[in-house]
PDB file of N, CA and C in Angstrom:
ATOM      1  N   MET A   1       0.825  -1.198   0.000  1.00  0.00           N
ATOM      2  CA  MET A   1       0.000   0.000   0.000  1.00  0.00           C
ATOM      3  C   MET A   1       0.867   1.260   0.000  1.00  0.00           C
ATOM      4  N   LYS A   2       1.926   1.268   0.831  1.00  0.00           N
ATOM      5  CA  LYS A   2       2.803   2.429   0.904  1.00  0.00           C
ATOM      6  C   LYS A   2       3.469   2.683  -0.448  1.00  0.00           C
ATOM      7  N   ARG A   3       3.857   1.616  -1.131  1.00  0.00           N
ATOM      8  CA  ARG A   3       4.493   1.757  -2.438  1.00  0.00           C
ATOM      9  C   ARG A   3       3.517   2.363  -3.447  1.00  0.00           C
ATOM     10  N   LEU A   4       2.254   1.945  -3.390  1.00  0.00           N
ATOM     11  CA  LEU A   4       1.236   2.491  -4.277  1.00  0.00           C
ATOM     12  C   LEU A   4       1.080   3.991  -4.024  1.00  0.00           C
ATOM     13  N   MET A   5       1.073   4.402  -2.758  1.00  0.00           N
ATOM     14  CA  MET A   5       0.947   5.819  -2.430  1.00  0.00           C
ATOM     15  C   MET A   5       2.155   6.597  -2.948  1.00  0.00           C
ATOM     16  N   ALA A   6       3.358   6.030  -2.833  1.00  0.00           N
ATOM     17  CA  ALA A   6       4.560   6.685  -3.329  1.00  0.00           C
ATOM     18  C   ALA A   6       4.490   6.824  -4.845  1.00  0.00           C
ATOM     19  N   ASN A   7       4.018   5.794  -5.530  1.00  0.00           N
ATOM     20  CA  ASN A   7       3.878   5.862  -6.984  1.00  0.00           C
ATOM     21  C   ASN A   7       2.880   6.931  -7.392  1.00  0.00           C
ATOM     22  N   GLU A   8       1.773   7.035  -6.668  1.00  0.00           N
ATOM     23  CA  GLU A   8       0.776   8.057  -6.982  1.00  0.00           C
ATOM     24  C   GLU A   8       1.359   9.452  -6.775  1.00  0.00           C
ATOM     25  N   ARG A   9       2.151   9.640  -5.735  1.00  0.00           N
ATOM     26  CA  ARG A   9       2.784  10.940  -5.476  1.00  0.00           C
ATOM     27  C   ARG A   9       3.732  11.298  -6.616  1.00  0.00           C
ATOM     28  N   VAL A  10       4.511  10.330  -7.082  1.00  0.00           N
ATOM     29  CA  VAL A  10       5.422  10.556  -8.211  1.00  0.00           C
ATOM     30  C   VAL A  10       4.620  10.920  -9.459  1.00  0.00           C
ATOM     31  N   ASN A  11       3.527  10.195  -9.707  1.00  0.00           N
ATOM     32  CA  ASN A  11       2.687  10.496 -10.871  1.00  0.00           C
ATOM     33  C   ASN A  11       2.124  11.910 -10.792  1.00  0.00           C
ATOM     34  N   LEU A  12       1.637  12.307  -9.616  1.00  0.00           N
ATOM     35  CA  LEU A  12       1.102  13.659  -9.444  1.00  0.00           C
ATOM     36  C   LEU A  12       2.177  14.717  -9.710  1.00  0.00           C
ATOM     37  N   MET A  13       3.380  14.466  -9.216  1.00  0.00           N
ATOM     38  CA  MET A  13       4.457  15.434  -9.424  1.00  0.00           C
ATOM     39  C   MET A  13       4.808  15.546 -10.904  1.00  0.00           C
ATOM     40  N   PHE A  14       4.897  14.416 -11.592  1.00  0.00           N
ATOM     41  CA  PHE A  14       5.189  14.467 -13.028  1.00  0.00           C
ATOM     42  C   PHE A  14       4.091  15.199 -13.787  1.00  0.00           C
ATOM     43  N   ARG A  15       2.836  14.943 -13.446  1.00  0.00           N
ATOM     44  CA  ARG A  15       1.735  15.644 -14.121  1.00  0.00           C
ATOM     45  C   ARG A  15       1.789  17.140 -13.809  1.00  0.00           C
ATOM     46  N   ALA A  16       2.165  17.491 -12.595  1.00  0.00           N
ATOM     47  CA  ALA A  16       2.282  18.906 -12.244  1.00  0.00           C
ATOM     48  C   ALA A  16       3.347  19.589 -13.097  1.00  0.00           C
ATOM     49  N   PHE A  17       4.451  18.903 -13.321  1.00  0.00           N
ATOM     50  CA  PHE A  17       5.544  19.460 -14.115  1.00  0.00           C
ATOM     51  C   PHE A  17       5.227  19.471 -15.614  1.00  0.00           C
ATOM     52  N   SER A  18       4.206  18.735 -16.037  1.00  0.00           N
ATOM     53  CA  SER A  18       3.922  18.610 -17.468  1.00  0.00           C
ATOM     54  C   SER A  18       3.159  19.794 -18.046  1.00  0.00           C
ATOM     55  N   ASP A  19       2.635  20.679 -17.204  1.00  0.00           N
ATOM     56  CA  ASP A  19       1.856  21.812 -17.696  1.00  0.00           C
ATOM     57  C   ASP A  19       2.728  23.069 -17.737  1.00  0.00           C
ATOM     58  N   PRO A  20       2.769  23.791 -18.867  1.00  0.00           N
ATOM     59  CA  PRO A  20       3.636  24.973 -18.972  1.00  0.00           C
ATOM     60  C   PRO A  20       3.326  26.055 -17.930  1.00  0.00           C
ATOM     61  N   THR A  21       2.070  26.296 -17.636  1.00  0.00           N
ATOM     62  CA  THR A  21       1.739  27.327 -16.642  1.00  0.00           C
ATOM     63  C   THR A  21       2.220  26.916 -15.264  1.00  0.00           C
ATOM     64  N   ARG A  22       2.036  25.659 -14.909  1.00  0.00           N
ATOM     65  CA  ARG A  22       2.499  25.200 -13.594  1.00  0.00           C
ATOM     66  C   ARG A  22       4.023  25.239 -13.508  1.00  0.00           C
ATOM     67  N   LEU A  23       4.685  24.908 -14.605  1.00  0.00           N
ATOM     68  CA  LEU A  23       6.152  24.995 -14.618  1.00  0.00           C
ATOM     69  C   LEU A  23       6.606  26.432 -14.400  1.00  0.00           C
ATOM     70  N   ARG A  24       5.933  27.367 -15.053  1.00  0.00           N
ATOM     71  CA  ARG A  24       6.277  28.777 -14.883  1.00  0.00           C
ATOM     72  C   ARG A  24       6.060  29.200 -13.434  1.00  0.00           C
ATOM     73  N   MET A  25       4.973  28.752 -12.831  1.00  0.00           N
ATOM     74  CA  MET A  25       4.708  29.075 -11.422  1.00  0.00           C
ATOM     75  C   MET A  25       5.801  28.522 -10.520  1.00  0.00           C
ATOM     76  N   LEU A  26       6.140  27.263 -10.726  1.00  0.00           N
ATOM     77  CA  LEU A  26       7.178  26.641  -9.902  1.00  0.00           C
ATOM     78  C   LEU A  26       8.494  27.391 -10.041  1.00  0.00           C
ATOM     79  N   HIS A  27       8.816  27.768 -11.255  1.00  0.00           N
ATOM     80  CA  HIS A  27      10.058  28.499 -11.488  1.00  0.00           C
ATOM     81  C   HIS A  27      10.052  29.832 -10.756  1.00  0.00           C
ATOM     82  N   LEU A  28       8.931  30.549 -10.784  1.00  0.00           N
ATOM     83  CA  LEU A  28       8.826  31.820 -10.060  1.00  0.00           C
ATOM     84  C   LEU A  28       8.943  31.619  -8.558  1.00  0.00           C
ATOM     85  N   LEU A  29       8.400  30.528  -8.056  1.00  0.00           N
ATOM     86  CA  LEU A  29       8.431  30.271  -6.616  1.00  0.00           C
ATOM     87  C   LEU A  29       9.824  29.895  -6.121  1.00  0.00           C
ATOM     88  N   LEU A  30      10.738  29.591  -7.040  1.00  0.00           N
ATOM     89  CA  LEU A  30      12.126  29.368  -6.628  1.00  0.00           C
ATOM     90  C   LEU A  30      12.695  30.611  -5.947  1.00  0.00           C
ATOM     91  N   GLU A  31      12.185  31.779  -6.316  1.00  0.00           N
ATOM     92  CA  GLU A  31      12.666  33.037  -5.747  1.00  0.00           C
ATOM     93  C   GLU A  31      12.078  33.314  -4.376  1.00  0.00           C
ATOM     94  N   GLY A  32      11.104  32.514  -3.962  1.00  0.00           N
ATOM     95  CA  GLY A  32      10.519  32.689  -2.643  1.00  0.00           C
ATOM     96  C   GLY A  32       9.012  32.820  -2.707  1.00  0.00           C
ATOM     97  N   GLU A  33       8.438  32.990  -1.540  1.00  0.00           N
ATOM     98  CA  GLU A  33       6.995  33.077  -1.383  1.00  0.00           C
ATOM     99  C   GLU A  33       6.428  34.218  -2.238  1.00  0.00           C
ATOM    100  N   THR A  34       5.300  33.950  -2.892  1.00  0.00           N
ATOM    101  CA  THR A  34       4.679  34.916  -3.794  1.00  0.00           C
ATOM    102  C   THR A  34       3.171  34.851  -3.631  1.00  0.00           C
ATOM    103  N   CYS A  35       2.515  36.016  -3.672  1.00  0.00           N
ATOM    104  CA  CYS A  35       1.056  36.023  -3.556  1.00  0.00           C
ATOM    105  C   CYS A  35       0.414  35.727  -4.906  1.00  0.00           C
ATOM    106  N   VAL A  36      -0.815  35.271  -4.849  1.00  0.00           N
ATOM    107  CA  VAL A  36      -1.546  34.908  -6.066  1.00  0.00           C
ATOM    108  C   VAL A  36      -1.657  36.109  -6.998  1.00  0.00           C
ATOM    109  N   GLY A  37      -1.925  37.290  -6.440  1.00  0.00           N
ATOM    110  CA  GLY A  37      -2.062  38.484  -7.275  1.00  0.00           C
ATOM    111  C   GLY A  37      -0.813  38.768  -8.085  1.00  0.00           C
ATOM    112  N   ASP A  38       0.347  38.584  -7.481  1.00  0.00           N
ATOM    113  CA  ASP A  38       1.593  38.802  -8.213  1.00  0.00           C
ATOM    114  C   ASP A  38       1.793  37.736  -9.283  1.00  0.00           C
ATOM    115  N   LEU A  39       1.446  36.492  -8.986  1.00  0.00           N
ATOM    116  CA  LEU A  39       1.554  35.436 -10.002  1.00  0.00           C
ATOM    117  C   LEU A  39       0.647  35.741 -11.190  1.00  0.00           C
ATOM    118  N   VAL A  40      -0.558  36.212 -10.918  1.00  0.00           N
ATOM    119  CA  VAL A  40      -1.503  36.565 -11.983  1.00  0.00           C
ATOM    120  C   VAL A  40      -0.898  37.661 -12.867  1.00  0.00           C
ATOM    121  N   THR A  41      -0.321  38.670 -12.236  1.00  0.00           N
ATOM    122  CA  THR A  41       0.277  39.777 -12.982  1.00  0.00           C
ATOM    123  C   THR A  41       1.464  39.317 -13.815  1.00  0.00           C
ATOM    124  N   ILE A  42       2.345  38.549 -13.217  1.00  0.00           N
ATOM    125  CA  ILE A  42       3.558  38.097 -13.910  1.00  0.00           C
ATOM    126  C   ILE A  42       3.219  37.161 -15.064  1.00  0.00           C
ATOM    127  N   LEU A  43       2.352  36.197 -14.799  1.00  0.00           N
ATOM    128  CA  LEU A  43       2.035  35.174 -15.805  1.00  0.00           C
ATOM    129  C   LEU A  43       0.993  35.629 -16.820  1.00  0.00           C
ATOM    130  N   ARG A  44       0.278  36.712 -16.476  1.00  0.00           N
ATOM    131  CA  ARG A  44      -0.778  37.229 -17.350  1.00  0.00           C
ATOM    132  C   ARG A  44      -1.848  36.170 -17.619  1.00  0.00           C
ATOM    133  N   VAL A  45      -2.306  35.577 -16.523  1.00  0.00           N
ATOM    134  CA  VAL A  45      -3.404  34.603 -16.584  1.00  0.00           C
ATOM    135  C   VAL A  45      -4.514  35.106 -15.664  1.00  0.00           C
ATOM    136  N   PRO A  46      -5.755  34.686 -15.921  1.00  0.00           N
ATOM    137  CA  PRO A  46      -6.846  35.071 -15.019  1.00  0.00           C
ATOM    138  C   PRO A  46      -6.647  34.460 -13.630  1.00  0.00           C
ATOM    139  N   GLN A  47      -7.152  35.140 -12.607  1.00  0.00           N
ATOM    140  CA  GLN A  47      -6.994  34.664 -11.232  1.00  0.00           C
ATOM    141  C   GLN A  47      -7.551  33.260 -11.037  1.00  0.00           C
ATOM    142  N   PRO A  48      -8.742  32.913 -11.579  1.00  0.00           N
ATOM    143  CA  PRO A  48      -9.225  31.539 -11.385  1.00  0.00           C
ATOM    144  C   PRO A  48      -8.283  30.490 -11.993  1.00  0.00           C
ATOM    145  N   THR A  49      -7.659  30.824 -13.102  1.00  0.00           N
ATOM    146  CA  THR A  49      -6.701  29.900 -13.729  1.00  0.00           C
ATOM    147  C   THR A  49      -5.498  29.698 -12.815  1.00  0.00           C
ATOM    148  N   ALA A  50      -4.965  30.796 -12.294  1.00  0.00           N
ATOM    149  CA  ALA A  50      -3.820  30.696 -11.387  1.00  0.00           C
ATOM    150  C   ALA A  50      -4.178  29.871 -10.162  1.00  0.00           C
ATOM    151  N   SER A  51      -5.343  30.132  -9.583  1.00  0.00           N
ATOM    152  CA  SER A  51      -5.757  29.395  -8.386  1.00  0.00           C
ATOM    153  C   SER A  51      -5.934  27.913  -8.661  1.00  0.00           C
ATOM    154  N   ARG A  52      -6.472  27.577  -9.812  1.00  0.00           N
ATOM    155  CA  ARG A  52      -6.663  26.162 -10.163  1.00  0.00           C
ATOM    156  C   ARG A  52      -5.312  25.457 -10.278  1.00  0.00           C
ATOM    157  N   HIS A  53      -4.346  26.115 -10.930  1.00  0.00           N
ATOM    158  CA  HIS A  53      -3.014  25.510 -11.071  1.00  0.00           C
ATOM    159  C   HIS A  53      -2.305  25.403  -9.720  1.00  0.00           C
ATOM    160  N   LEU A  54      -2.453  26.410  -8.883  1.00  0.00           N
ATOM    161  CA  LEU A  54      -1.833  26.356  -7.558  1.00  0.00           C
ATOM    162  C   LEU A  54      -2.439  25.250  -6.707  1.00  0.00           C
ATOM    163  N   SER A  55      -3.731  25.046  -6.844  1.00  0.00           N
ATOM    164  CA  SER A  55      -4.393  23.953  -6.129  1.00  0.00           C
ATOM    165  C   SER A  55      -3.815  22.607  -6.562  1.00  0.00           C
ATOM    166  N   TYR A  56      -3.595  22.454  -7.851  1.00  0.00           N
ATOM    167  CA  TYR A  56      -3.004  21.211  -8.359  1.00  0.00           C
ATOM    168  C   TYR A  56      -1.601  21.022  -7.780  1.00  0.00           C
ATOM    169  N   LEU A  57      -0.832  22.091  -7.759  1.00  0.00           N
ATOM    170  CA  LEU A  57       0.531  22.009  -7.226  1.00  0.00           C
ATOM    171  C   LEU A  57       0.538  21.677  -5.734  1.00  0.00           C
ATOM    172  N   ARG A  58      -0.447  22.181  -4.994  1.00  0.00           N
ATOM    173  CA  ARG A  58      -0.559  21.819  -3.570  1.00  0.00           C
ATOM    174  C   ARG A  58      -0.895  20.340  -3.424  1.00  0.00           C
ATOM    175  N   ARG A  59      -1.856  19.844  -4.210  1.00  0.00           N
ATOM    176  CA  ARG A  59      -2.223  18.413  -4.145  1.00  0.00           C
ATOM    177  C   ARG A  59      -1.038  17.520  -4.481  1.00  0.00           C
ATOM    178  N   ALA A  60      -0.192  17.977  -5.386  1.00  0.00           N
ATOM    179  CA  ALA A  60       0.989  17.198  -5.785  1.00  0.00           C
ATOM    180  C   ALA A  60       2.101  17.270  -4.735  1.00  0.00           C
ATOM    181  N   GLY A  61       1.920  18.107  -3.716  1.00  0.00           N
ATOM    182  CA  GLY A  61       2.923  18.226  -2.663  1.00  0.00           C
ATOM    183  C   GLY A  61       4.110  19.091  -3.041  1.00  0.00           C
ATOM    184  N   LEU A  62       3.960  19.930  -4.069  1.00  0.00           N
ATOM    185  CA  LEU A  62       5.064  20.761  -4.525  1.00  0.00           C
ATOM    186  C   LEU A  62       5.017  22.182  -3.969  1.00  0.00           C
ATOM    187  N   VAL A  63       3.842  22.610  -3.524  1.00  0.00           N
ATOM    188  CA  VAL A  63       3.641  23.994  -3.093  1.00  0.00           C
ATOM    189  C   VAL A  63       2.872  24.016  -1.777  1.00  0.00           C
ATOM    190  N   THR A  64       3.192  24.983  -0.935  1.00  0.00           N
ATOM    191  CA  THR A  64       2.432  25.226   0.289  1.00  0.00           C
ATOM    192  C   THR A  64       1.714  26.565   0.159  1.00  0.00           C
ATOM    193  N   ALA A  65       0.686  26.755   0.964  1.00  0.00           N
ATOM    194  CA  ALA A  65      -0.082  27.999   0.932  1.00  0.00           C
ATOM    195  C   ALA A  65      -0.201  28.552   2.340  1.00  0.00           C
ATOM    196  N   ARG A  66      -0.253  29.885   2.411  1.00  0.00           N
ATOM    197  CA  ARG A  66      -0.410  30.583   3.681  1.00  0.00           C
ATOM    198  C   ARG A  66      -1.314  31.781   3.443  1.00  0.00           C
ATOM    199  N   ARG A  67      -2.322  31.938   4.281  1.00  0.00           N
ATOM    200  CA  ARG A  67      -3.224  33.085   4.179  1.00  0.00           C
ATOM    201  C   ARG A  67      -2.748  34.177   5.128  1.00  0.00           C
ATOM    202  N   SER A  68      -2.790  35.395   4.629  1.00  0.00           N
ATOM    203  CA  SER A  68      -2.488  36.573   5.453  1.00  0.00           C
ATOM    204  C   SER A  68      -3.526  37.631   5.101  1.00  0.00           C
ATOM    205  N   GLY A  69      -4.520  37.768   5.960  1.00  0.00           N
ATOM    206  CA  GLY A  69      -5.613  38.688   5.663  1.00  0.00           C
ATOM    207  C   GLY A  69      -6.381  38.211   4.445  1.00  0.00           C
ATOM    208  N   ARG A  70      -6.493  39.077   3.460  1.00  0.00           N
ATOM    209  CA  ARG A  70      -7.208  38.727   2.227  1.00  0.00           C
ATOM    210  C   ARG A  70      -6.325  38.007   1.218  1.00  0.00           C
ATOM    211  N   TRP A  71      -5.033  37.939   1.465  1.00  0.00           N
ATOM    212  CA  TRP A  71      -4.096  37.443   0.471  1.00  0.00           C
ATOM    213  C   TRP A  71      -3.644  36.012   0.763  1.00  0.00           C
ATOM    214  N   MET A  72      -3.441  35.270  -0.318  1.00  0.00           N
ATOM    215  CA  MET A  72      -2.883  33.920  -0.238  1.00  0.00           C
ATOM    216  C   MET A  72      -1.471  33.965  -0.793  1.00  0.00           C
ATOM    217  N   PHE A  73      -0.544  33.455  -0.016  1.00  0.00           N
ATOM    218  CA  PHE A  73       0.851  33.383  -0.438  1.00  0.00           C
ATOM    219  C   PHE A  73       1.219  31.922  -0.657  1.00  0.00           C
ATOM    220  N   HIS A  74       2.006  31.674  -1.696  1.00  0.00           N
ATOM    221  CA  HIS A  74       2.440  30.311  -2.015  1.00  0.00           C
ATOM    222  C   HIS A  74       3.956  30.250  -2.040  1.00  0.00           C
ATOM    223  N   ALA A  75       4.474  29.090  -1.669  1.00  0.00           N
ATOM    224  CA  ALA A  75       5.915  28.847  -1.659  1.00  0.00           C
ATOM    225  C   ALA A  75       6.162  27.400  -2.052  1.00  0.00           C
ATOM    226  N   LEU A  76       7.378  27.124  -2.491  1.00  0.00           N
ATOM    227  CA  LEU A  76       7.740  25.738  -2.787  1.00  0.00           C
ATOM    228  C   LEU A  76       7.780  24.936  -1.496  1.00  0.00           C
ATOM    229  N   GLN A  77       7.266  23.749  -1.570  1.00  0.00           N
ATOM    230  CA  GLN A  77       7.345  22.795  -0.465  1.00  0.00           C
ATOM    231  C   GLN A  77       8.790  22.296  -0.393  1.00  0.00           C
ATOM    232  N   PRO A  78       9.414  22.303   0.769  1.00  0.00           N
ATOM    233  CA  PRO A  78      10.756  21.713   0.861  1.00  0.00           C
ATOM    234  C   PRO A  78      10.726  20.256   0.395  1.00  0.00           C
ATOM    235  N   ALA A  79      11.806  19.838  -0.220  1.00  0.00           N
ATOM    236  CA  ALA A  79      11.876  18.484  -0.774  1.00  0.00           C
ATOM    237  C   ALA A  79      11.635  17.435   0.300  1.00  0.00           C
ATOM    238  N   ARG A  80      10.796  16.470  -0.052  1.00  0.00           N
ATOM    239  CA  ARG A  80      10.514  15.331   0.831  1.00  0.00           C
ATOM    240  C   ARG A  80      10.947  14.072   0.100  1.00  0.00           C
ATOM    241  N   GLY A  81      12.210  13.813   0.140  1.00  0.00           N
ATOM    242  CA  GLY A  81      12.744  12.618  -0.501  1.00  0.00           C
ATOM    243  C   GLY A  81      13.600  12.949  -1.709  1.00  0.00           C
ATOM    244  N   GLY A  82      14.314  11.932  -2.154  1.00  0.00           N
ATOM    245  CA  GLY A  82      15.254  12.094  -3.261  1.00  0.00           C
ATOM    246  C   GLY A  82      14.604  12.482  -4.573  1.00  0.00           C
ATOM    247  N   PHE A  83      13.477  11.864  -4.888  1.00  0.00           N
ATOM    248  CA  PHE A  83      12.797  12.169  -6.144  1.00  0.00           C
ATOM    249  C   PHE A  83      12.374  13.638  -6.178  1.00  0.00           C
ATOM    250  N   HIS A  84      11.768  14.093  -5.116  1.00  0.00           N
ATOM    251  CA  HIS A  84      11.314  15.481  -5.025  1.00  0.00           C
ATOM    252  C   HIS A  84      12.509  16.434  -5.140  1.00  0.00           C
ATOM    253  N   GLU A  85      13.599  16.127  -4.466  1.00  0.00           N
ATOM    254  CA  GLU A  85      14.798  16.964  -4.524  1.00  0.00           C
ATOM    255  C   GLU A  85      15.335  17.048  -5.957  1.00  0.00           C
ATOM    256  N   ARG A  86      15.362  15.925  -6.661  1.00  0.00           N
ATOM    257  CA  ARG A  86      15.869  15.938  -8.041  1.00  0.00           C
ATOM    258  C   ARG A  86      14.962  16.749  -8.966  1.00  0.00           C
ATOM    259  N   LEU A  87      13.650  16.705  -8.733  1.00  0.00           N
ATOM    260  CA  LEU A  87      12.748  17.539  -9.535  1.00  0.00           C
ATOM    261  C   LEU A  87      13.050  19.018  -9.315  1.00  0.00           C
ATOM    262  N   LEU A  88      13.275  19.409  -8.066  1.00  0.00           N
ATOM    263  CA  LEU A  88      13.595  20.808  -7.781  1.00  0.00           C
ATOM    264  C   LEU A  88      14.943  21.198  -8.378  1.00  0.00           C
ATOM    265  N   GLU A  89      15.914  20.296  -8.341  1.00  0.00           N
ATOM    266  CA  GLU A  89      17.214  20.564  -8.968  1.00  0.00           C
ATOM    267  C   GLU A  89      17.038  20.773 -10.464  1.00  0.00           C
ATOM    268  N   CYS A  90      16.220  19.937 -11.080  1.00  0.00           N
ATOM    269  CA  CYS A  90      15.948  20.072 -12.512  1.00  0.00           C
ATOM    270  C   CYS A  90      15.296  21.415 -12.795  1.00  0.00           C
ATOM    271  N   LEU A  91      14.363  21.811 -11.967  1.00  0.00           N
ATOM    272  CA  LEU A  91      13.690  23.095 -12.135  1.00  0.00           C
ATOM    273  C   LEU A  91      14.703  24.235 -12.079  1.00  0.00           C
ATOM    274  N   ARG A  92      15.656  24.143 -11.166  1.00  0.00           N
ATOM    275  CA  ARG A  92      16.679  25.190 -11.027  1.00  0.00           C
ATOM    276  C   ARG A  92      17.632  25.207 -12.210  1.00  0.00           C
ATOM    277  N   ALA A  93      17.997  24.035 -12.704  1.00  0.00           N
ATOM    278  CA  ALA A  93      19.057  23.947 -13.703  1.00  0.00           C
ATOM    279  C   ALA A  93      18.582  23.799 -15.147  1.00  0.00           C
ATOM    280  N   CYS A  94      17.546  23.034 -15.356  1.00  0.00           N
ATOM    281  CA  CYS A  94      17.185  22.644 -16.715  1.00  0.00           C
ATOM    282  C   CYS A  94      16.405  23.696 -17.492  1.00  0.00           C
ATOM    283  N   PHE A  95      15.824  24.659 -16.806  1.00  0.00           N
ATOM    284  CA  PHE A  95      14.931  25.573 -17.500  1.00  0.00           C
ATOM    285  C   PHE A  95      15.484  26.991 -17.608  1.00  0.00           C
ATOM    286  N   ARG A  96      16.769  27.148 -17.347  1.00  0.00           N
ATOM    287  CA  ARG A  96      17.372  28.485 -17.393  1.00  0.00           C
ATOM    288  C   ARG A  96      17.280  29.120 -18.776  1.00  0.00           C
ATOM    289  N   ASP A  97      17.296  28.300 -19.811  1.00  0.00           N
ATOM    290  CA  ASP A  97      17.332  28.828 -21.172  1.00  0.00           C
ATOM    291  C   ASP A  97      15.970  28.869 -21.845  1.00  0.00           C
ATOM    292  N   VAL A  98      14.894  28.656 -21.108  1.00  0.00           N
ATOM    293  CA  VAL A  98      13.550  28.702 -21.684  1.00  0.00           C
ATOM    294  C   VAL A  98      13.120  30.167 -21.754  1.00  0.00           C
ATOM    295  N   PRO A  99      12.860  30.696 -22.960  1.00  0.00           N
ATOM    296  CA  PRO A  99      12.543  32.125 -23.103  1.00  0.00           C
ATOM    297  C   PRO A  99      11.377  32.600 -22.236  1.00  0.00           C
ATOM    298  N   ALA A 100      10.311  31.837 -22.134  1.00  0.00           N
ATOM    299  CA  ALA A 100       9.151  32.274 -21.340  1.00  0.00           C
ATOM    300  C   ALA A 100       9.533  32.465 -19.879  1.00  0.00           C
ATOM    301  N   LEU A 101      10.422  31.629 -19.363  1.00  0.00           N
ATOM    302  CA  LEU A 101      10.839  31.760 -17.975  1.00  0.00           C
ATOM    303  C   LEU A 101      11.688  33.006 -17.765  1.00  0.00           C
ATOM    304  N   ALA A 102      12.480  33.349 -18.772  1.00  0.00           N
ATOM    305  CA  ALA A 102      13.282  34.571 -18.686  1.00  0.00           C
ATOM    306  C   ALA A 102      12.378  35.801 -18.695  1.00  0.00           C
ATOM    307  N   VAL A 103      11.343  35.792 -19.517  1.00  0.00           N
ATOM    308  CA  VAL A 103      10.380  36.896 -19.556  1.00  0.00           C
ATOM    309  C   VAL A 103       9.681  37.013 -18.206  1.00  0.00           C
ATOM    310  N   ASP A 104       9.244  35.873 -17.669  1.00  0.00           N
ATOM    311  CA  ASP A 104       8.597  35.872 -16.351  1.00  0.00           C
ATOM    312  C   ASP A 104       9.529  36.444 -15.289  1.00  0.00           C
ATOM    313  N   ALA A 105      10.790  36.054 -15.325  1.00  0.00           N
ATOM    314  CA  ALA A 105      11.757  36.522 -14.326  1.00  0.00           C
ATOM    315  C   ALA A 105      11.926  38.035 -14.409  1.00  0.00           C
ATOM    316  N   ARG A 106      11.953  38.588 -15.624  1.00  0.00           N
ATOM    317  CA  ARG A 106      12.073  40.047 -15.768  1.00  0.00           C
ATOM    318  C   ARG A 106      10.829  40.745 -15.218  1.00  0.00           C
ATOM    319  N   ARG A 107       9.645  40.212 -15.549  1.00  0.00           N
ATOM    320  CA  ARG A 107       8.405  40.800 -15.022  1.00  0.00           C
ATOM    321  C   ARG A 107       8.385  40.727 -13.486  1.00  0.00           C
ATOM    322  N   ALA A 108       8.808  39.579 -12.960  1.00  0.00           N
ATOM    323  CA  ALA A 108       8.820  39.399 -11.505  1.00  0.00           C
ATOM    324  C   ALA A 108       9.771  40.394 -10.849  1.00  0.00           C
ATOM    325  N   GLY A 109      10.929  40.599 -11.447  1.00  0.00           N
ATOM    326  CA  GLY A 109      11.884  41.557 -10.896  1.00  0.00           C
ATOM    327  C   GLY A 109      11.311  42.969 -10.854  1.00  0.00           C
ATOM    328  N   ARG A 110      10.652  43.377 -11.936  1.00  0.00           N
ATOM    329  CA  ARG A 110      10.042  44.709 -11.969  1.00  0.00           C
ATOM    330  C   ARG A 110       8.920  44.815 -10.938  1.00  0.00           C
ATOM    331  N   LEU A 111       8.120  43.759 -10.827  1.00  0.00           N
ATOM    332  CA  LEU A 111       7.002  43.780  -9.885  1.00  0.00           C
ATOM    333  C   LEU A 111       7.505  43.823  -8.443  1.00  0.00           C
ATOM    334  N   ARG A 112       8.520  43.035  -8.140  1.00  0.00           N
ATOM    335  CA  ARG A 112       9.081  43.040  -6.784  1.00  0.00           C
ATOM    336  C   ARG A 112       9.691  44.404  -6.447  1.00  0.00           C
ATOM    337  N   ALA A 113      10.334  45.017  -7.440  1.00  0.00           N
ATOM    338  CA  ALA A 113      10.937  46.341  -7.229  1.00  0.00           C
ATOM    339  C   ALA A 113       9.877  47.398  -6.925  1.00  0.00           C
ATOM    340  N   SER A 114       8.686  47.209  -7.498  1.00  0.00           N
ATOM    341  CA  SER A 114       7.601  48.174  -7.276  1.00  0.00           C
ATOM    342  C   SER A 114       6.817  47.866  -6.003  1.00  0.00           C
ATOM    343  N   GLY A 115       7.095  46.724  -5.377  1.00  0.00           N
ATOM    344  CA  GLY A 115       6.407  46.354  -4.141  1.00  0.00           C
ATOM    345  C   GLY A 115       5.324  45.308  -4.321  1.00  0.00           C
ATOM    346  N   GLY A 116       4.932  45.024  -5.558  1.00  0.00           N
ATOM    347  CA  GLY A 116       3.894  44.005  -5.795  1.00  0.00           C
ATOM    348  C   GLY A 116       2.534  44.461  -5.343  1.00  0.00           C
ATOM    349  N   CYS A 117       1.576  43.556  -5.407  1.00  0.00           N
ATOM    350  CA  CYS A 117       0.196  43.933  -5.079  1.00  0.00           C
ATOM    351  C   CYS A 117      -0.196  43.565  -3.652  1.00  0.00           C
ATOM    352  N   CYS A 118       0.544  42.694  -3.017  1.00  0.00           N
ATOM    353  CA  CYS A 118       0.150  42.192  -1.695  1.00  0.00           C
ATOM    354  C   CYS A 118       1.107  42.683  -0.615  1.00  0.00           C
ATOM    355  N   PRO A 119       0.571  43.239   0.453  1.00  0.00           N
ATOM    356  CA  PRO A 119       1.468  43.688   1.536  1.00  0.00           C
ATOM    357  C   PRO A 119       2.128  42.497   2.225  1.00  0.00           C
ATOM    358  N   ARG A 120       3.334  42.669   2.626  1.00  0.00           N
ATOM    359  CA  ARG A 120       4.085  41.604   3.322  1.00  0.00           C
ATOM    360  C   ARG A 120       3.917  41.739   4.812  1.00  0.00           C
TER     361      ARG A 120
END
């Protein structure tokens, strides 16, 4: 039974990584905790779309959520095991040359410099 649960967790993580929007979110979260409003602005997706993808990432065990007043903040879940750690390493190393991620990083830098939409 435990092995089946581990296999399902691996499957969920792979499916989470298979979607371009979720990959972009994960890449942005490498820089630290980010509110949903800032993710919406950076990724240029509707808020319900962002929330749906973040929910999937939470179910997959890749992201944590924290509420502060009206705002929801998300962060990467610390690695729980070797497989999870290798996925995060891949995220850090393998996607540096993806143009969409570079565009997102520039938008995120400008947004962070301006203070973003959510108070810390």
